[in-house]
Each structure stands twice: as C-alpha cells, then as structure tokens.
Amino acid sequence: MPRYVVYINYINRNGSNVSTSSHLEASSESEAKRIVISKTNGRVTSATVKKEGN
C-alpha cells in the first residue's frame, strides 16, 4: 500500500491556528485525507496530500 503525507491546517478547540502533518499508508490520496481529517480535533481549514517517494 502506498505511503502518503497529509499536511493540514486547522483551528483547535482554543481557537488557535495549527499546522501539522501525518504520515500514513492508504489505498488512495482521498482515503489518506479522509483518515487524517476524521482524527483531527478541530475545524480543518485546508488539507494537502502528497505521495511519499521511495
């Protein structure tokens, strides 16, 4: 299964803007994005997915 990096910006419970990234295996870019967004505690304002190179 391919590995992806998902970069997200979100607003946390305190109202602060937060940027972070997650590395994970998923069957597609859209699945990787969906997984990360569903685990984020806050309102996601943007998400970018990139496939990791070997």
N, C-alpha and C. Protein backbone atom coordinates (compact mmCIF):
# COMPACT_ATOMS: atom_id res chain seq x y z
N MET A 1 0.85 -1.17 0.00
CA MET A 1 0.00 0.00 0.00
C MET A 1 0.91 1.25 0.00
N PRO A 2 0.58 2.25 -0.80
CA PRO A 2 1.42 3.45 -0.87
C PRO A 2 1.36 4.27 0.42
N ARG A 3 2.44 5.02 0.65
CA ARG A 3 2.51 5.91 1.81
C ARG A 3 2.27 7.35 1.37
N TYR A 4 1.54 8.07 2.20
CA TYR A 4 1.21 9.46 1.91
C TYR A 4 1.57 10.35 3.09
N VAL A 5 1.81 11.62 2.79
CA VAL A 5 1.96 12.64 3.81
C VAL A 5 0.78 13.60 3.63
N VAL A 6 0.04 13.84 4.71
CA VAL A 6 -1.08 14.75 4.67
C VAL A 6 -0.73 15.96 5.53
N TYR A 7 -0.70 17.13 4.90
CA TYR A 7 -0.43 18.39 5.60
C TYR A 7 -1.77 19.06 5.86
N ILE A 8 -2.03 19.42 7.12
CA ILE A 8 -3.30 20.05 7.43
C ILE A 8 -3.11 21.33 8.24
N ASN A 9 -4.01 22.25 8.02
CA ASN A 9 -4.15 23.45 8.84
C ASN A 9 -5.53 23.36 9.46
N TYR A 10 -5.60 23.63 10.76
CA TYR A 10 -6.90 23.57 11.42
C TYR A 10 -6.95 24.54 12.59
N ILE A 11 -8.16 24.78 13.05
CA ILE A 11 -8.38 25.64 14.21
C ILE A 11 -8.73 24.71 15.37
N ASN A 12 -7.91 24.75 16.43
CA ASN A 12 -8.14 23.83 17.54
C ASN A 12 -9.21 24.36 18.48
N ARG A 13 -9.46 23.64 19.54
CA ARG A 13 -10.54 23.99 20.47
C ARG A 13 -10.32 25.33 21.16
N ASN A 14 -9.06 25.77 21.27
CA ASN A 14 -8.75 27.05 21.90
C ASN A 14 -8.87 28.22 20.93
N GLY A 15 -9.14 27.93 19.66
CA GLY A 15 -9.25 28.97 18.65
C GLY A 15 -7.95 29.31 17.96
N SER A 16 -6.88 28.55 18.25
CA SER A 16 -5.58 28.81 17.64
C SER A 16 -5.46 28.09 16.30
N ASN A 17 -4.73 28.71 15.37
CA ASN A 17 -4.43 28.06 14.09
C ASN A 17 -3.27 27.11 14.28
N VAL A 18 -3.39 25.90 13.79
CA VAL A 18 -2.38 24.87 13.97
C VAL A 18 -2.06 24.25 12.62
N SER A 19 -0.78 24.00 12.36
CA SER A 19 -0.33 23.29 11.16
C SER A 19 0.38 22.02 11.60
N THR A 20 0.09 20.92 10.93
CA THR A 20 0.75 19.67 11.26
C THR A 20 0.74 18.76 10.03
N SER A 21 1.44 17.65 10.14
CA SER A 21 1.43 16.66 9.06
C SER A 21 1.36 15.26 9.65
N SER A 22 0.84 14.34 8.86
CA SER A 22 0.74 12.95 9.26
C SER A 22 1.23 12.07 8.12
N HIS A 23 1.98 11.04 8.47
CA HIS A 23 2.46 10.05 7.51
C HIS A 23 1.64 8.79 7.72
N LEU A 24 1.09 8.24 6.63
CA LEU A 24 0.29 7.04 6.78
C LEU A 24 0.23 6.26 5.48
N GLU A 25 -0.20 5.01 5.59
CA GLU A 25 -0.44 4.16 4.43
C GLU A 25 -1.93 4.18 4.14
N ALA A 26 -2.26 4.31 2.87
CA ALA A 26 -3.67 4.31 2.45
C ALA A 26 -3.73 3.84 1.01
N SER A 27 -4.92 3.45 0.58
CA SER A 27 -5.07 2.95 -0.79
C SER A 27 -5.16 4.07 -1.81
N SER A 28 -5.47 5.31 -1.37
CA SER A 28 -5.56 6.43 -2.30
C SER A 28 -5.32 7.74 -1.55
N GLU A 29 -5.10 8.82 -2.32
CA GLU A 29 -4.92 10.14 -1.71
C GLU A 29 -6.17 10.56 -0.96
N SER A 30 -7.33 10.31 -1.55
CA SER A 30 -8.57 10.73 -0.90
C SER A 30 -8.82 9.97 0.40
N GLU A 31 -8.44 8.70 0.44
CA GLU A 31 -8.60 7.94 1.68
C GLU A 31 -7.64 8.47 2.75
N ALA A 32 -6.41 8.78 2.37
CA ALA A 32 -5.44 9.33 3.33
C ALA A 32 -5.96 10.63 3.92
N LYS A 33 -6.49 11.49 3.08
CA LYS A 33 -7.03 12.78 3.52
C LYS A 33 -8.22 12.57 4.46
N ARG A 34 -9.11 11.67 4.10
CA ARG A 34 -10.30 11.40 4.92
C ARG A 34 -9.91 10.88 6.30
N ILE A 35 -8.92 9.97 6.36
CA ILE A 35 -8.49 9.40 7.63
C ILE A 35 -7.93 10.48 8.55
N VAL A 36 -7.06 11.32 8.01
CA VAL A 36 -6.44 12.36 8.84
C VAL A 36 -7.46 13.38 9.31
N ILE A 37 -8.34 13.81 8.42
CA ILE A 37 -9.35 14.80 8.81
C ILE A 37 -10.27 14.23 9.88
N SER A 38 -10.63 12.96 9.79
CA SER A 38 -11.53 12.37 10.77
C SER A 38 -10.89 12.26 12.15
N LYS A 39 -9.55 12.21 12.23
CA LYS A 39 -8.85 12.10 13.51
C LYS A 39 -8.45 13.45 14.09
N THR A 40 -8.72 14.53 13.37
CA THR A 40 -8.31 15.86 13.81
C THR A 40 -9.36 16.46 14.74
N ASN A 41 -8.89 16.93 15.90
CA ASN A 41 -9.79 17.58 16.86
C ASN A 41 -9.79 19.08 16.58
N GLY A 42 -10.71 19.52 15.78
CA GLY A 42 -10.81 20.92 15.42
C GLY A 42 -11.41 21.05 14.03
N ARG A 43 -11.49 22.29 13.56
CA ARG A 43 -12.06 22.55 12.23
C ARG A 43 -10.94 22.67 11.22
N VAL A 44 -10.88 21.73 10.29
CA VAL A 44 -9.84 21.71 9.27
C VAL A 44 -10.12 22.81 8.25
N THR A 45 -9.10 23.67 8.01
CA THR A 45 -9.27 24.76 7.06
C THR A 45 -8.64 24.42 5.71
N SER A 46 -7.61 23.56 5.71
CA SER A 46 -7.03 23.10 4.44
C SER A 46 -6.29 21.79 4.66
N ALA A 47 -6.22 21.00 3.60
CA ALA A 47 -5.51 19.72 3.66
C ALA A 47 -4.88 19.45 2.29
N THR A 48 -3.61 19.06 2.33
CA THR A 48 -2.88 18.74 1.10
C THR A 48 -2.26 17.36 1.25
N VAL A 49 -2.36 16.55 0.21
CA VAL A 49 -1.84 15.19 0.25
C VAL A 49 -0.72 15.05 -0.78
N LYS A 50 0.38 14.42 -0.36
CA LYS A 50 1.47 14.11 -1.27
C LYS A 50 1.90 12.67 -1.07
N LYS A 51 2.22 12.01 -2.17
CA LYS A 51 2.70 10.65 -2.10
C LYS A 51 4.17 10.66 -1.72
N GLU A 52 4.56 9.81 -0.78
CA GLU A 52 5.96 9.73 -0.37
C GLU A 52 6.77 8.99 -1.43
N GLY A 53 7.95 9.49 -1.72
CA GLY A 53 8.84 8.83 -2.67
C GLY A 53 9.59 7.70 -2.00
N ASN A 54 10.11 6.79 -2.80
CA ASN A 54 10.87 5.66 -2.25
C ASN A 54 12.31 6.02 -2.05
